[in-house]
N, C-alpha and C. Protein backbone atom coordinates (compact mmCIF):
# COMPACT_ATOMS: atom_id res chain seq x y z
N UNK A 1 16.53 -13.56 -4.96
CA UNK A 1 16.09 -12.08 -4.93
C UNK A 1 14.62 -12.13 -5.36
N UNK A 2 14.24 -11.96 -4.88
CA UNK A 2 12.56 -11.89 -5.17
C UNK A 2 12.47 -9.45 -4.96
N UNK A 3 11.20 -9.63 -5.03
CA UNK A 3 10.38 -8.71 -6.07
C UNK A 3 9.96 -7.21 -4.91
N UNK A 4 10.33 -6.09 -4.76
CA UNK A 4 9.46 -5.61 -3.80
C UNK A 4 8.40 -4.25 -3.68
N UNK A 5 7.32 -3.86 -3.24
CA UNK A 5 6.72 -1.90 -3.90
C UNK A 5 7.21 -1.86 -1.78
N UNK A 6 8.70 -0.81 -2.29
CA UNK A 6 8.53 -0.14 -1.03
C UNK A 6 8.21 1.49 -1.15
N UNK A 7 7.93 1.77 0.04
CA UNK A 7 6.69 3.10 0.22
C UNK A 7 7.64 3.26 1.41
N UNK A 8 7.54 5.03 1.72
CA UNK A 8 7.78 5.39 2.54
C UNK A 8 7.14 5.69 3.62
N UNK A 9 6.89 5.41 5.32
CA UNK A 9 6.03 5.75 6.67
C UNK A 9 5.72 7.20 6.66
N UNK A 10 5.04 7.36 7.45
CA UNK A 10 5.42 9.13 7.78
C UNK A 10 6.74 9.49 9.17
N UNK A 11 6.29 8.18 10.03
CA UNK A 11 7.23 8.43 11.12
C UNK A 11 8.91 7.93 10.12
N UNK A 12 9.45 8.29 8.97
CA UNK A 12 10.60 7.60 8.63
C UNK A 12 11.14 6.30 7.94
N UNK A 13 10.77 5.00 8.61
CA UNK A 13 11.29 3.99 7.56
C UNK A 13 10.20 3.41 6.78
N UNK A 14 10.82 2.44 6.65
CA UNK A 14 10.50 2.12 5.00
C UNK A 14 9.51 0.26 5.30
N UNK A 15 8.55 0.28 3.98
CA UNK A 15 7.21 -0.24 4.74
C UNK A 15 7.65 -0.29 3.18
N UNK A 16 7.87 -2.72 3.37
CA UNK A 16 8.27 -3.21 1.98
C UNK A 16 7.34 -4.86 1.93
N UNK A 17 6.78 -4.28 0.67
CA UNK A 17 5.69 -5.30 0.83
C UNK A 17 5.60 -5.98 -1.49
N UNK A 18 6.28 -7.56 -1.15
CA UNK A 18 5.90 -8.31 -1.90
C UNK A 18 5.60 -8.29 -2.45
N UNK A 19 5.99 -8.20 -3.74
CA UNK A 19 5.81 -7.44 -5.54
C UNK A 19 4.96 -8.51 -5.59
N UNK A 20 3.69 -8.79 -5.85
CA UNK A 20 2.98 -7.12 -7.14
C UNK A 20 1.67 -6.94 -5.67
N UNK A 21 1.60 -7.72 -4.79
CA UNK A 21 0.80 -6.90 -3.55
C UNK A 21 1.09 -5.71 -3.32
N UNK A 22 1.09 -5.07 -2.50
CA UNK A 22 0.47 -2.79 -2.02
C UNK A 22 0.38 -3.19 -0.76
N UNK A 23 0.99 -2.03 -0.09
CA UNK A 23 0.74 -1.35 1.30
C UNK A 23 -1.23 -1.34 1.59
N UNK A 24 -1.85 -1.62 2.15
CA UNK A 24 -2.60 -1.75 3.30
C UNK A 24 -2.64 -1.77 4.68
N UNK A 25 -1.89 -0.40 4.95
CA UNK A 25 -2.13 -0.76 6.85
C UNK A 25 -3.46 1.33 5.78
N UNK A 26 -2.41 1.23 7.77
CA UNK A 26 -3.91 1.85 8.28
C UNK A 26 -2.65 3.12 8.03
N UNK A 27 -1.56 3.61 8.55
CA UNK A 27 -0.98 4.44 8.25
C UNK A 27 -0.20 5.01 6.81
N UNK A 28 -0.15 6.47 6.13
CA UNK A 28 -0.18 7.36 5.28
C UNK A 28 1.03 6.47 5.30
N UNK A 29 1.55 5.85 3.75
CA UNK A 29 3.00 5.74 3.34
C UNK A 29 3.16 6.18 1.79
N UNK A 30 4.08 7.13 1.70
CA UNK A 30 4.22 7.30 0.54
C UNK A 30 5.21 6.50 -0.78
N UNK A 31 4.71 6.36 -2.34
CA UNK A 31 4.73 4.83 -2.78
C UNK A 31 6.46 5.04 -2.98
N UNK A 32 7.08 4.40 -2.69
CA UNK A 32 8.56 4.74 -3.78
C UNK A 32 8.63 3.98 -4.99
N UNK A 33 8.29 2.57 -5.34
CA UNK A 33 8.80 1.84 -6.08
C UNK A 33 8.58 0.75 -6.17
N UNK A 34 9.33 -0.31 -7.21
CA UNK A 34 9.58 -1.17 -7.25
C UNK A 34 11.11 -2.15 -7.13
N UNK A 35 11.38 -2.69 -6.11
CA UNK A 35 12.95 -2.77 -5.44
C UNK A 35 13.53 -4.48 -5.78
N UNK A 36 14.45 -4.20 -5.77
CA UNK A 36 15.28 -6.03 -5.76
C UNK A 36 15.57 -6.41 -4.18
N UNK A 37 15.40 -7.42 -3.41
CA UNK A 37 15.96 -7.70 -2.79
C UNK A 37 16.74 -7.81 -2.51
N UNK A 38 18.25 -8.26 -3.30
CA UNK A 38 19.70 -7.93 -3.35
C UNK A 38 20.66 -6.13 -3.26
N UNK A 39 19.07 -5.60 -2.90
CA UNK A 39 19.67 -3.99 -3.47
C UNK A 39 19.88 -3.40 -1.48
N UNK A 40 19.55 -4.60 -0.85
CA UNK A 40 18.83 -4.73 0.35
C UNK A 40 20.01 -5.79 1.59
N UNK A 41 21.38 -5.60 2.71
CA UNK A 41 22.21 -6.53 3.47
C UNK A 41 21.51 -7.47 3.49
N UNK A 42 22.01 -8.52 3.95
CA UNK A 42 21.79 -9.77 4.23
C UNK A 42 20.92 -9.79 5.76
N UNK A 43 21.32 -8.76 6.43
CA UNK A 43 20.68 -8.81 7.72
C UNK A 43 19.37 -8.58 8.36
N UNK A 44 18.92 -7.40 7.09
CA UNK A 44 17.82 -6.79 6.83
C UNK A 44 16.93 -7.42 5.83
N UNK A 45 17.31 -8.34 5.21
CA UNK A 45 16.21 -9.33 3.65
C UNK A 45 16.01 -10.53 5.52
N UNK A 46 16.42 -11.17 6.44
CA UNK A 46 16.69 -11.82 7.05
C UNK A 46 15.46 -11.83 7.48
N UNK A 47 16.02 -10.17 8.41
CA UNK A 47 14.18 -9.65 9.25
C UNK A 47 13.12 -9.40 8.50
N UNK A 48 13.27 -8.48 8.04
CA UNK A 48 12.59 -8.87 6.38
C UNK A 48 11.50 -10.31 5.99
N UNK A 49 11.86 -11.51 6.00
CA UNK A 49 11.64 -12.33 5.83
C UNK A 49 11.02 -12.84 7.03
N UNK A 50 11.22 -12.56 7.46
CA UNK A 50 11.05 -12.57 9.34
C UNK A 50 9.23 -12.19 10.33
N UNK A 51 9.79 -10.89 8.99
CA UNK A 51 8.26 -10.23 8.81
C UNK A 51 7.17 -10.40 8.47
N UNK A 52 7.48 -11.14 7.26
CA UNK A 52 6.36 -11.42 6.39
C UNK A 52 5.93 -12.80 6.72
N UNK A 53 7.07 -13.23 7.32
CA UNK A 53 5.85 -14.78 7.70
C UNK A 53 4.53 -13.94 8.80
N UNK A 54 4.99 -12.98 9.68
CA UNK A 54 3.60 -13.36 10.67
C UNK A 54 2.36 -11.68 10.17
N UNK A 55 2.96 -11.10 8.72
CA UNK A 55 2.73 -9.77 8.46
C UNK A 55 2.42 -10.03 7.19
N UNK A 56 1.64 -8.75 6.18
CA UNK A 56 1.52 -9.21 4.89
C UNK A 56 2.65 -7.67 5.02
N UNK A 57 3.49 -6.99 5.58
CA UNK A 57 4.58 -5.69 4.52
C UNK A 57 5.84 -6.17 6.41
N UNK A 58 6.75 -5.56 5.86
CA UNK A 58 7.57 -5.81 6.24
C UNK A 58 8.49 -3.79 7.05
N UNK A 59 8.81 -3.50 8.04
CA UNK A 59 9.41 -2.35 8.16
C UNK A 59 10.31 -2.39 8.38
N UNK A 60 11.44 -1.69 7.98
CA UNK A 60 12.46 -1.62 8.43
C UNK A 60 12.81 -0.35 8.27
N UNK A 61 14.30 -0.05 9.18
CA UNK A 61 14.80 1.53 9.42
C UNK A 61 15.72 1.98 8.76
N UNK A 62 14.99 3.81 7.93
CA UNK A 62 16.73 3.80 7.53
C UNK A 62 17.78 3.70 6.71
N UNK A 63 18.18 3.54 8.20
CA UNK A 63 19.61 2.85 8.34
C UNK A 63 19.63 1.32 7.44
N UNK A 64 19.19 -0.31 7.93
CA UNK A 64 19.26 -0.94 7.19
C UNK A 64 18.11 -0.95 6.02
N UNK A 65 18.21 -0.08 5.18
CA UNK A 65 17.72 0.69 3.90
C UNK A 65 18.34 0.60 2.79
N UNK A 66 19.10 2.04 3.86
CA UNK A 66 21.43 1.92 3.19
C UNK A 66 22.33 1.21 2.87
N UNK A 67 21.69 0.03 3.57
CA UNK A 67 22.40 -0.71 4.15
C UNK A 67 23.57 -0.03 5.22
N UNK A 68 23.28 0.60 6.10
CA UNK A 68 23.90 1.29 6.75
C UNK A 68 24.09 0.63 8.54
N UNK A 69 23.44 -0.52 8.56
CA UNK A 69 22.84 -0.97 10.14
C UNK A 69 24.04 -1.97 10.46
N UNK A 70 25.77 -1.79 9.41
CA UNK A 70 26.47 -2.07 10.53
C UNK A 70 27.54 -1.34 11.06
N UNK A 71 26.58 0.22 10.61
CA UNK A 71 27.34 0.73 11.74
C UNK A 71 28.29 1.03 12.05
N UNK A 72 29.56 1.34 13.09
CA UNK A 72 29.91 1.44 14.31
C UNK A 72 29.41 2.64 14.47
N UNK A 73 29.12 2.45 16.55
CA UNK A 73 28.32 3.10 16.87
C UNK A 73 29.29 3.92 18.30
């Protein structure tokens, strides 16, 4: 479990930055607060970790943020 600063981007996706770092991207984003990685599903956490290897922040969809990525299509 780790802490992340959570932001909502203009496109509706969520931007996550490892705490205590702040989002410094070009796009405007609304700061939502601090959250734990445990509040996300396992697939979302794995995707975030892969993104953070190469980038200072990770982006996830609203479905991933709210744990609905495994919903039936």
